[in-house]
Structure formats: structure tokens, C-alpha cells
Amino acid sequence: MQIINGSIEDIYAIFKLYDDAISFQKTKFNKHWQGFERSLVETEINENRQWKIVIDEQIACIFAITFDDELIWGNKNNEPALYIHRIVTNPMFRGKHFVKIIIEWAKDFCKKHNKQFIRMDTWGDNESLITYYQSCGFKFLGLTTLQKSEGLPKHYEGAHLSLFEIKVY
């Protein structure tokens, strides 16, 4: 297993995984992602913020990171943090606990890049994900409702979100 940066050659596979994730989300919860702009993913790839977990030469999981998430995190955005978004597991690799693997990778990443926190968000009423993220070591910080979402993917419009973090040091 390797965790490496995604490349522009992965773009078709990334969007296929997003489509699969949206289909899966629709079976599990009353909200789902509404697709993503290609330019967003291309920017993440070009800035080395799109990652993939590769097992046996197959993309098993993808996720994106950012170091700035002010619209979601407000004043806490000023703290040195790594924000993780859009974790998607290839359906052929479900059950491999990639969130826990990503957390361990993120802890090392944070130490190397002087980040004190790992942060994530999900819909405020998604009880199963809230419980799961807590079981992975995230502290539930509470709820927030976005006042602005310009520049964020469409599913964030007016979103009520649960916020999570792990303090690295």
C-alpha cells in the first residue's frame, strides 16, 4: 500500500470514484455530493493536494487536503491545520478502514509541515458518519451553519455541518 499524490492521468478514475461515491451516498443518507468541477480537482493535483491510496497498482481510495478552510472553520482557520476533504473508497476496497490509515498519514504530514490539527467536516445530521469519525479518533467540536459558500462545491450551499479535529501536538 502506498499513499501518493494523484496525477492528471488519474482524473478519469477520480471522477469515476466520485460518481460511485455519490451513488453510494444516495443509498445511505438523505444528502449527497452534487458533483465537482474538473478545475477544482486539477488545481488540487497541480498543488499536490489530491492524494490516492494505491494497492496492487489500483486506486483504492482518494482524498484531498487543504491548509485553508476559512468559510467552514471561521476564526479557527488561523490555527495551523490540515483539512481533509472528499475521502472516497473504491467499492472494491470497502471495509479497509482507510480513514484510520489517512489519519496516521496525516499525523506524520502535520509533524513534517508544522500543523497542529487534522480537521474534517460532514453534514450536521449524519449520525452514522459523526459516530464513525469519533471512533477513528476525531473529537466532535460541534455544529456550524455556513453563511457563505462561494468557491466551495455546490453541496455546501447553506450547509449545516459537524466539525471534527484531532490535535497532533
N, C-alpha and C. Protein backbone atom coordinates (compact mmCIF):
# COMPACT_ATOMS: atom_id res chain seq x y z
N MET A 1 0.85 -1.18 0.00
CA MET A 1 0.00 0.00 0.00
C MET A 1 0.89 1.23 0.00
N GLN A 2 0.52 2.21 -0.85
CA GLN A 2 1.23 3.48 -0.92
C GLN A 2 0.22 4.61 -0.85
N ILE A 3 0.60 5.71 -0.21
CA ILE A 3 -0.16 6.94 -0.26
C ILE A 3 0.70 7.93 -1.03
N ILE A 4 0.23 8.29 -2.22
CA ILE A 4 0.99 9.16 -3.11
C ILE A 4 0.07 10.20 -3.73
N ASN A 5 0.69 11.23 -4.28
CA ASN A 5 -0.09 12.28 -4.94
C ASN A 5 -0.80 11.74 -6.17
N GLY A 6 -2.02 12.21 -6.37
CA GLY A 6 -2.74 11.93 -7.60
C GLY A 6 -2.09 12.70 -8.74
N SER A 7 -2.31 12.24 -9.94
CA SER A 7 -1.76 12.90 -11.12
C SER A 7 -2.88 13.19 -12.11
N ILE A 8 -2.58 14.02 -13.07
CA ILE A 8 -3.58 14.38 -14.08
C ILE A 8 -4.05 13.13 -14.84
N GLU A 9 -3.18 12.11 -14.91
CA GLU A 9 -3.57 10.86 -15.57
C GLU A 9 -4.65 10.11 -14.79
N ASP A 10 -4.83 10.48 -13.52
CA ASP A 10 -5.84 9.83 -12.67
C ASP A 10 -7.21 10.49 -12.76
N ILE A 11 -7.34 11.57 -13.52
CA ILE A 11 -8.55 12.39 -13.46
C ILE A 11 -9.81 11.58 -13.79
N TYR A 12 -9.76 10.72 -14.79
CA TYR A 12 -10.93 9.91 -15.13
C TYR A 12 -11.28 9.00 -13.95
N ALA A 13 -10.29 8.34 -13.37
CA ALA A 13 -10.53 7.43 -12.24
C ALA A 13 -11.07 8.19 -11.04
N ILE A 14 -10.56 9.39 -10.79
CA ILE A 14 -11.03 10.20 -9.67
C ILE A 14 -12.51 10.51 -9.84
N PHE A 15 -12.90 10.97 -11.02
CA PHE A 15 -14.31 11.32 -11.24
C PHE A 15 -15.21 10.09 -11.26
N LYS A 16 -14.69 8.96 -11.68
CA LYS A 16 -15.46 7.72 -11.60
C LYS A 16 -15.70 7.36 -10.13
N LEU A 17 -14.69 7.52 -9.29
CA LEU A 17 -14.86 7.26 -7.86
C LEU A 17 -15.84 8.24 -7.24
N TYR A 18 -15.80 9.52 -7.64
CA TYR A 18 -16.78 10.48 -7.13
C TYR A 18 -18.20 10.06 -7.52
N ASP A 19 -18.38 9.64 -8.78
CA ASP A 19 -19.71 9.19 -9.22
C ASP A 19 -20.17 7.98 -8.42
N ASP A 20 -19.26 7.03 -8.19
CA ASP A 20 -19.60 5.85 -7.38
C ASP A 20 -19.97 6.26 -5.96
N ALA A 21 -19.22 7.22 -5.40
CA ALA A 21 -19.48 7.68 -4.03
C ALA A 21 -20.85 8.35 -3.92
N ILE A 22 -21.19 9.16 -4.91
CA ILE A 22 -22.49 9.83 -4.90
C ILE A 22 -23.62 8.80 -4.95
N SER A 23 -23.47 7.79 -5.80
CA SER A 23 -24.47 6.73 -5.87
C SER A 23 -24.60 6.02 -4.53
N PHE A 24 -23.47 5.75 -3.88
CA PHE A 24 -23.48 5.08 -2.58
C PHE A 24 -24.11 5.99 -1.52
N GLN A 25 -23.75 7.28 -1.53
CA GLN A 25 -24.31 8.23 -0.57
C GLN A 25 -25.84 8.24 -0.64
N LYS A 26 -26.37 8.16 -1.83
CA LYS A 26 -27.82 8.20 -2.02
C LYS A 26 -28.51 7.01 -1.37
N THR A 27 -27.79 5.92 -1.19
CA THR A 27 -28.39 4.74 -0.55
C THR A 27 -28.27 4.79 0.97
N LYS A 28 -27.44 5.68 1.51
CA LYS A 28 -27.14 5.70 2.93
C LYS A 28 -27.69 6.90 3.69
N PHE A 29 -27.97 8.01 2.99
CA PHE A 29 -28.31 9.24 3.70
C PHE A 29 -29.15 10.11 2.80
N ASN A 30 -29.82 11.10 3.36
CA ASN A 30 -30.72 11.95 2.58
C ASN A 30 -30.01 13.12 1.90
N LYS A 31 -28.70 13.24 2.06
CA LYS A 31 -27.92 14.28 1.37
C LYS A 31 -26.77 13.59 0.65
N HIS A 32 -26.31 14.24 -0.41
CA HIS A 32 -25.19 13.67 -1.16
C HIS A 32 -24.45 14.79 -1.88
N TRP A 33 -23.22 14.47 -2.28
CA TRP A 33 -22.45 15.42 -3.07
C TRP A 33 -23.18 15.68 -4.37
N GLN A 34 -22.93 16.84 -4.96
CA GLN A 34 -23.60 17.21 -6.20
C GLN A 34 -22.61 17.36 -7.35
N GLY A 35 -21.53 16.62 -7.29
CA GLY A 35 -20.52 16.66 -8.33
C GLY A 35 -19.49 17.74 -8.04
N PHE A 36 -18.41 17.69 -8.78
CA PHE A 36 -17.30 18.61 -8.56
C PHE A 36 -16.79 19.13 -9.89
N GLU A 37 -16.31 20.35 -9.86
CA GLU A 37 -15.73 20.96 -11.05
C GLU A 37 -14.38 20.32 -11.35
N ARG A 38 -14.16 20.03 -12.60
CA ARG A 38 -12.87 19.47 -13.02
C ARG A 38 -11.73 20.40 -12.63
N SER A 39 -11.96 21.71 -12.75
CA SER A 39 -10.90 22.67 -12.42
C SER A 39 -10.47 22.57 -10.96
N LEU A 40 -11.41 22.26 -10.05
CA LEU A 40 -11.08 22.09 -8.64
C LEU A 40 -10.08 20.94 -8.47
N VAL A 41 -10.38 19.82 -9.07
CA VAL A 41 -9.51 18.64 -8.95
C VAL A 41 -8.18 18.88 -9.65
N GLU A 42 -8.21 19.52 -10.80
CA GLU A 42 -6.95 19.83 -11.50
C GLU A 42 -6.06 20.73 -10.65
N THR A 43 -6.66 21.72 -10.00
CA THR A 43 -5.89 22.61 -9.12
C THR A 43 -5.29 21.82 -7.97
N GLU A 44 -6.08 20.96 -7.36
CA GLU A 44 -5.57 20.14 -6.26
C GLU A 44 -4.41 19.26 -6.72
N ILE A 45 -4.54 18.67 -7.89
CA ILE A 45 -3.45 17.85 -8.44
C ILE A 45 -2.22 18.71 -8.65
N ASN A 46 -2.38 19.85 -9.30
CA ASN A 46 -1.24 20.73 -9.59
C ASN A 46 -0.57 21.26 -8.34
N GLU A 47 -1.32 21.39 -7.25
CA GLU A 47 -0.77 21.88 -5.98
C GLU A 47 -0.41 20.74 -5.02
N ASN A 48 -0.39 19.50 -5.53
CA ASN A 48 -0.06 18.31 -4.73
C ASN A 48 -0.96 18.17 -3.50
N ARG A 49 -2.26 18.45 -3.69
CA ARG A 49 -3.23 18.33 -2.60
C ARG A 49 -4.26 17.22 -2.85
N GLN A 50 -4.15 16.53 -3.96
CA GLN A 50 -5.01 15.38 -4.26
C GLN A 50 -4.15 14.13 -4.04
N TRP A 51 -4.66 13.22 -3.22
CA TRP A 51 -3.89 12.04 -2.83
C TRP A 51 -4.66 10.77 -3.18
N LYS A 52 -3.91 9.70 -3.28
CA LYS A 52 -4.52 8.40 -3.55
C LYS A 52 -3.79 7.33 -2.75
N ILE A 53 -4.56 6.34 -2.35
CA ILE A 53 -4.01 5.13 -1.75
C ILE A 53 -4.03 4.07 -2.84
N VAL A 54 -2.86 3.53 -3.11
CA VAL A 54 -2.73 2.54 -4.19
C VAL A 54 -2.40 1.18 -3.57
N ILE A 55 -3.17 0.19 -3.97
CA ILE A 55 -2.95 -1.19 -3.55
C ILE A 55 -2.95 -2.05 -4.81
N ASP A 56 -1.91 -2.83 -4.98
CA ASP A 56 -1.79 -3.71 -6.15
C ASP A 56 -2.04 -2.94 -7.45
N GLU A 57 -1.43 -1.77 -7.54
CA GLU A 57 -1.49 -0.91 -8.72
C GLU A 57 -2.90 -0.40 -9.04
N GLN A 58 -3.82 -0.47 -8.07
CA GLN A 58 -5.17 0.06 -8.25
C GLN A 58 -5.40 1.18 -7.25
N ILE A 59 -6.16 2.19 -7.67
CA ILE A 59 -6.52 3.25 -6.75
C ILE A 59 -7.61 2.71 -5.83
N ALA A 60 -7.24 2.57 -4.55
CA ALA A 60 -8.15 2.01 -3.56
C ALA A 60 -8.96 3.10 -2.86
N CYS A 61 -8.39 4.31 -2.79
CA CYS A 61 -9.03 5.40 -2.06
C CYS A 61 -8.42 6.71 -2.55
N ILE A 62 -9.20 7.78 -2.52
CA ILE A 62 -8.70 9.11 -2.83
C ILE A 62 -9.15 10.07 -1.74
N PHE A 63 -8.43 11.16 -1.60
CA PHE A 63 -8.82 12.23 -0.69
C PHE A 63 -8.07 13.49 -1.08
N ALA A 64 -8.60 14.61 -0.64
CA ALA A 64 -7.98 15.90 -0.92
C ALA A 64 -7.64 16.57 0.40
N ILE A 65 -6.64 17.42 0.36
CA ILE A 65 -6.27 18.20 1.54
C ILE A 65 -6.20 19.67 1.17
N THR A 66 -6.30 20.50 2.19
CA THR A 66 -6.06 21.93 2.04
C THR A 66 -5.52 22.44 3.36
N PHE A 67 -4.95 23.63 3.33
CA PHE A 67 -4.39 24.25 4.53
C PHE A 67 -5.19 25.48 4.92
N ASP A 68 -6.24 25.75 4.15
CA ASP A 68 -7.05 26.95 4.36
C ASP A 68 -8.51 26.56 4.13
N ASP A 69 -9.34 26.78 5.13
CA ASP A 69 -10.75 26.39 5.03
C ASP A 69 -11.61 27.39 5.81
N GLU A 70 -11.39 28.68 5.54
CA GLU A 70 -11.98 29.75 6.32
C GLU A 70 -13.50 29.76 6.29
N LEU A 71 -14.12 29.48 5.14
CA LEU A 71 -15.57 29.54 5.06
C LEU A 71 -16.24 28.52 5.99
N ILE A 72 -15.58 27.41 6.21
CA ILE A 72 -16.12 26.38 7.10
C ILE A 72 -15.65 26.59 8.53
N TRP A 73 -14.40 26.95 8.72
CA TRP A 73 -13.80 26.96 10.06
C TRP A 73 -13.69 28.34 10.69
N GLY A 74 -14.00 29.39 9.97
CA GLY A 74 -14.01 30.72 10.56
C GLY A 74 -12.69 31.10 11.20
N ASN A 75 -12.73 31.62 12.43
CA ASN A 75 -11.52 32.07 13.13
C ASN A 75 -10.54 30.95 13.41
N LYS A 76 -11.03 29.72 13.55
CA LYS A 76 -10.12 28.60 13.80
C LYS A 76 -9.21 28.35 12.59
N ASN A 77 -9.56 28.90 11.43
CA ASN A 77 -8.75 28.76 10.24
C ASN A 77 -7.36 29.36 10.45
N ASN A 78 -7.22 30.27 11.41
CA ASN A 78 -5.92 30.90 11.68
C ASN A 78 -4.96 29.94 12.38
N GLU A 79 -5.45 28.85 12.89
CA GLU A 79 -4.60 27.86 13.56
C GLU A 79 -3.97 26.95 12.51
N PRO A 80 -2.75 26.47 12.77
CA PRO A 80 -2.06 25.63 11.77
C PRO A 80 -2.70 24.24 11.66
N ALA A 81 -3.46 24.03 10.60
CA ALA A 81 -4.23 22.79 10.46
C ALA A 81 -4.15 22.24 9.05
N LEU A 82 -4.36 20.94 8.98
CA LEU A 82 -4.52 20.21 7.73
C LEU A 82 -5.99 19.83 7.66
N TYR A 83 -6.67 20.22 6.59
CA TYR A 83 -8.08 19.92 6.39
C TYR A 83 -8.20 18.80 5.35
N ILE A 84 -8.94 17.77 5.69
CA ILE A 84 -9.13 16.63 4.79
C ILE A 84 -10.55 16.67 4.23
N HIS A 85 -10.64 16.50 2.93
CA HIS A 85 -11.95 16.53 2.25
C HIS A 85 -12.07 15.35 1.28
N ARG A 86 -13.30 14.99 1.04
CA ARG A 86 -13.68 14.06 -0.04
C ARG A 86 -12.92 12.74 -0.01
N ILE A 87 -12.98 12.06 1.11
CA ILE A 87 -12.42 10.71 1.18
C ILE A 87 -13.39 9.79 0.44
N VAL A 88 -12.88 9.08 -0.54
CA VAL A 88 -13.70 8.18 -1.34
C VAL A 88 -12.98 6.84 -1.46
N THR A 89 -13.68 5.79 -1.10
CA THR A 89 -13.13 4.44 -1.22
C THR A 89 -13.65 3.78 -2.48
N ASN A 90 -12.75 3.19 -3.23
CA ASN A 90 -13.12 2.37 -4.37
C ASN A 90 -14.01 1.24 -3.83
N PRO A 91 -15.18 1.01 -4.44
CA PRO A 91 -16.09 -0.03 -3.93
C PRO A 91 -15.43 -1.41 -3.77
N MET A 92 -14.40 -1.69 -4.57
CA MET A 92 -13.73 -2.99 -4.47
C MET A 92 -12.86 -3.09 -3.21
N PHE A 93 -12.66 -1.96 -2.50
CA PHE A 93 -11.78 -1.94 -1.33
C PHE A 93 -12.51 -1.51 -0.06
N ARG A 94 -13.83 -1.51 -0.07
CA ARG A 94 -14.57 -1.11 1.13
C ARG A 94 -14.22 -2.02 2.31
N GLY A 95 -14.29 -1.45 3.50
CA GLY A 95 -14.01 -2.21 4.70
C GLY A 95 -12.55 -2.24 5.10
N LYS A 96 -11.71 -1.48 4.42
CA LYS A 96 -10.26 -1.48 4.71
C LYS A 96 -9.86 -0.40 5.71
N HIS A 97 -10.84 0.34 6.24
CA HIS A 97 -10.59 1.36 7.27
C HIS A 97 -9.61 2.44 6.80
N PHE A 98 -9.83 2.95 5.61
CA PHE A 98 -8.93 3.95 5.06
C PHE A 98 -8.92 5.25 5.85
N VAL A 99 -10.01 5.60 6.51
CA VAL A 99 -10.00 6.84 7.30
C VAL A 99 -8.92 6.73 8.38
N LYS A 100 -8.83 5.60 9.03
CA LYS A 100 -7.80 5.41 10.06
C LYS A 100 -6.40 5.46 9.46
N ILE A 101 -6.23 4.90 8.29
CA ILE A 101 -4.93 4.94 7.60
C ILE A 101 -4.59 6.37 7.22
N ILE A 102 -5.58 7.10 6.72
CA ILE A 102 -5.36 8.51 6.35
C ILE A 102 -5.00 9.34 7.58
N ILE A 103 -5.63 9.07 8.71
CA ILE A 103 -5.32 9.80 9.94
C ILE A 103 -3.85 9.59 10.32
N GLU A 104 -3.38 8.37 10.27
CA GLU A 104 -1.97 8.11 10.61
C GLU A 104 -1.04 8.83 9.63
N TRP A 105 -1.37 8.78 8.34
CA TRP A 105 -0.59 9.51 7.35
C TRP A 105 -0.63 11.01 7.66
N ALA A 106 -1.81 11.52 7.99
CA ALA A 106 -1.98 12.95 8.26
C ALA A 106 -1.20 13.40 9.49
N LYS A 107 -1.12 12.55 10.50
CA LYS A 107 -0.33 12.89 11.69
C LYS A 107 1.13 13.11 11.30
N ASP A 108 1.68 12.21 10.51
CA ASP A 108 3.06 12.37 10.04
C ASP A 108 3.20 13.62 9.18
N PHE A 109 2.25 13.82 8.29
CA PHE A 109 2.27 15.00 7.41
C PHE A 109 2.27 16.28 8.25
N CYS A 110 1.41 16.32 9.26
CA CYS A 110 1.32 17.51 10.12
C CYS A 110 2.62 17.77 10.86
N LYS A 111 3.24 16.74 11.36
CA LYS A 111 4.51 16.91 12.07
C LYS A 111 5.58 17.46 11.14
N LYS A 112 5.61 16.98 9.91
CA LYS A 112 6.61 17.44 8.93
C LYS A 112 6.34 18.87 8.46
N HIS A 113 5.07 19.30 8.51
CA HIS A 113 4.69 20.60 7.97
C HIS A 113 4.20 21.57 9.05
N ASN A 114 4.51 21.27 10.30
CA ASN A 114 4.18 22.15 11.43
C ASN A 114 2.69 22.51 11.51
N LYS A 115 1.86 21.50 11.38
CA LYS A 115 0.42 21.67 11.54
C LYS A 115 0.01 21.01 12.85
N GLN A 116 -0.79 21.69 13.65
CA GLN A 116 -1.17 21.17 14.96
C GLN A 116 -2.46 20.35 14.95
N PHE A 117 -3.27 20.51 13.90
CA PHE A 117 -4.58 19.87 13.90
C PHE A 117 -4.86 19.20 12.56
N ILE A 118 -5.61 18.10 12.65
CA ILE A 118 -6.22 17.47 11.47
C ILE A 118 -7.71 17.76 11.62
N ARG A 119 -8.31 18.29 10.57
CA ARG A 119 -9.73 18.66 10.65
C ARG A 119 -10.53 18.10 9.49
N MET A 120 -11.80 17.83 9.81
CA MET A 120 -12.75 17.35 8.80
C MET A 120 -14.13 17.89 9.13
N ASP A 121 -15.03 17.78 8.16
CA ASP A 121 -16.43 18.13 8.37
C ASP A 121 -17.31 17.12 7.65
N THR A 122 -18.57 17.07 8.08
CA THR A 122 -19.60 16.32 7.38
C THR A 122 -20.93 16.99 7.68
N TRP A 123 -21.99 16.53 7.03
CA TRP A 123 -23.30 17.10 7.30
C TRP A 123 -23.63 16.99 8.78
N GLY A 124 -24.26 18.00 9.30
CA GLY A 124 -24.54 18.10 10.73
C GLY A 124 -25.46 17.02 11.27
N ASP A 125 -26.27 16.43 10.41
CA ASP A 125 -27.22 15.43 10.89
C ASP A 125 -26.89 14.01 10.41
N ASN A 126 -25.67 13.80 9.95
CA ASN A 126 -25.28 12.47 9.50
C ASN A 126 -24.71 11.69 10.70
N GLU A 127 -25.62 11.16 11.50
CA GLU A 127 -25.24 10.50 12.75
C GLU A 127 -24.25 9.36 12.55
N SER A 128 -24.42 8.58 11.49
CA SER A 128 -23.53 7.44 11.31
C SER A 128 -22.09 7.89 11.03
N LEU A 129 -21.92 8.93 10.21
CA LEU A 129 -20.56 9.43 9.96
C LEU A 129 -20.00 10.13 11.19
N ILE A 130 -20.83 10.86 11.91
CA ILE A 130 -20.38 11.53 13.13
C ILE A 130 -19.83 10.47 14.10
N THR A 131 -20.57 9.41 14.30
CA THR A 131 -20.13 8.33 15.19
C THR A 131 -18.86 7.67 14.66
N TYR A 132 -18.82 7.43 13.35
CA TYR A 132 -17.65 6.78 12.76
C TYR A 132 -16.40 7.63 12.93
N TYR A 133 -16.49 8.92 12.60
CA TYR A 133 -15.31 9.78 12.74
C TYR A 133 -14.83 9.85 14.18
N GLN A 134 -15.74 9.86 15.12
CA GLN A 134 -15.35 9.84 16.53
C GLN A 134 -14.64 8.53 16.87
N SER A 135 -15.11 7.42 16.33
CA SER A 135 -14.47 6.13 16.60
C SER A 135 -13.07 6.06 15.99
N CYS A 136 -12.81 6.92 15.01
CA CYS A 136 -11.48 6.98 14.38
C CYS A 136 -10.53 7.91 15.13
N GLY A 137 -11.02 8.55 16.17
CA GLY A 137 -10.15 9.42 16.97
C GLY A 137 -10.42 10.90 16.87
N PHE A 138 -11.37 11.29 16.04
CA PHE A 138 -11.70 12.71 15.93
C PHE A 138 -12.55 13.15 17.11
N LYS A 139 -12.29 14.36 17.57
CA LYS A 139 -13.12 15.00 18.59
C LYS A 139 -14.20 15.79 17.87
N PHE A 140 -15.44 15.55 18.26
CA PHE A 140 -16.57 16.31 17.70
C PHE A 140 -16.57 17.68 18.36
N LEU A 141 -16.47 18.74 17.55
CA LEU A 141 -16.38 20.10 18.07
C LEU A 141 -17.72 20.82 18.10
N GLY A 142 -18.69 20.30 17.40
CA GLY A 142 -19.99 20.94 17.36
C GLY A 142 -20.46 21.18 15.94
N LEU A 143 -21.47 22.02 15.84
CA LEU A 143 -22.14 22.28 14.57
C LEU A 143 -21.92 23.71 14.13
N THR A 144 -21.96 23.92 12.83
CA THR A 144 -21.91 25.26 12.27
C THR A 144 -22.80 25.29 11.03
N THR A 145 -23.34 26.45 10.74
CA THR A 145 -24.10 26.65 9.51
C THR A 145 -23.35 27.66 8.67
N LEU A 146 -23.08 27.29 7.43
CA LEU A 146 -22.31 28.18 6.56
C LEU A 146 -23.13 29.40 6.17
N GLN A 147 -22.50 30.55 6.32
CA GLN A 147 -23.12 31.81 5.89
C GLN A 147 -22.79 32.11 4.44
N LYS A 148 -21.59 31.69 4.01
CA LYS A 148 -21.13 31.88 2.64
C LYS A 148 -20.57 30.56 2.15
N SER A 149 -20.75 30.29 0.87
CA SER A 149 -20.19 29.06 0.31
C SER A 149 -19.56 29.29 -1.06
N GLU A 150 -19.42 30.54 -1.45
CA GLU A 150 -18.83 30.85 -2.76
C GLU A 150 -17.43 30.27 -2.84
N GLY A 151 -17.17 29.51 -3.88
CA GLY A 151 -15.88 28.87 -4.06
C GLY A 151 -15.83 27.44 -3.54
N LEU A 152 -16.85 27.02 -2.79
CA LEU A 152 -16.93 25.66 -2.30
C LEU A 152 -17.81 24.83 -3.24
N PRO A 153 -17.68 23.50 -3.21
CA PRO A 153 -18.58 22.67 -4.01
C PRO A 153 -20.05 22.96 -3.66
N LYS A 154 -20.93 22.71 -4.61
CA LYS A 154 -22.34 23.08 -4.52
C LYS A 154 -23.05 22.54 -3.27
N HIS A 155 -22.67 21.35 -2.82
CA HIS A 155 -23.38 20.76 -1.67
C HIS A 155 -23.16 21.53 -0.37
N TYR A 156 -22.26 22.50 -0.36
CA TYR A 156 -22.04 23.31 0.84
C TYR A 156 -23.00 24.49 0.95
N GLU A 157 -23.78 24.78 -0.07
CA GLU A 157 -24.70 25.92 -0.02
C GLU A 157 -25.66 25.79 1.16
N GLY A 158 -25.57 26.71 2.11
CA GLY A 158 -26.44 26.71 3.29
C GLY A 158 -26.28 25.50 4.19
N ALA A 159 -25.17 24.80 4.07
CA ALA A 159 -24.98 23.55 4.80
C ALA A 159 -24.87 23.76 6.31
N HIS A 160 -25.41 22.81 7.02
CA HIS A 160 -25.30 22.70 8.47
C HIS A 160 -24.31 21.56 8.70
N LEU A 161 -23.13 21.87 9.27
CA LEU A 161 -22.03 20.92 9.31
C LEU A 161 -21.61 20.53 10.72
N SER A 162 -21.14 19.30 10.85
CA SER A 162 -20.46 18.84 12.05
C SER A 162 -18.96 19.02 11.81
N LEU A 163 -18.26 19.53 12.82
CA LEU A 163 -16.83 19.79 12.72
C LEU A 163 -16.05 18.84 13.64
N PHE A 164 -14.92 18.37 13.15
CA PHE A 164 -14.10 17.40 13.86
C PHE A 164 -12.64 17.80 13.79
N GLU A 165 -11.88 17.44 14.85
CA GLU A 165 -10.44 17.65 14.78
C GLU A 165 -9.72 16.64 15.65
N ILE A 166 -8.47 16.45 15.29
CA ILE A 166 -7.51 15.68 16.09
C ILE A 166 -6.35 16.63 16.35
N LYS A 167 -5.99 16.79 17.60
CA LYS A 167 -4.82 17.60 17.93
C LYS A 167 -3.59 16.69 17.80
N VAL A 168 -2.66 17.14 16.98
CA VAL A 168 -1.48 16.32 16.69
C VAL A 168 -0.41 16.52 17.77
N TYR A 169 -0.19 17.76 18.17
CA TYR A 169 0.77 18.06 19.25
C TYR A 169 0.43 19.36 19.92
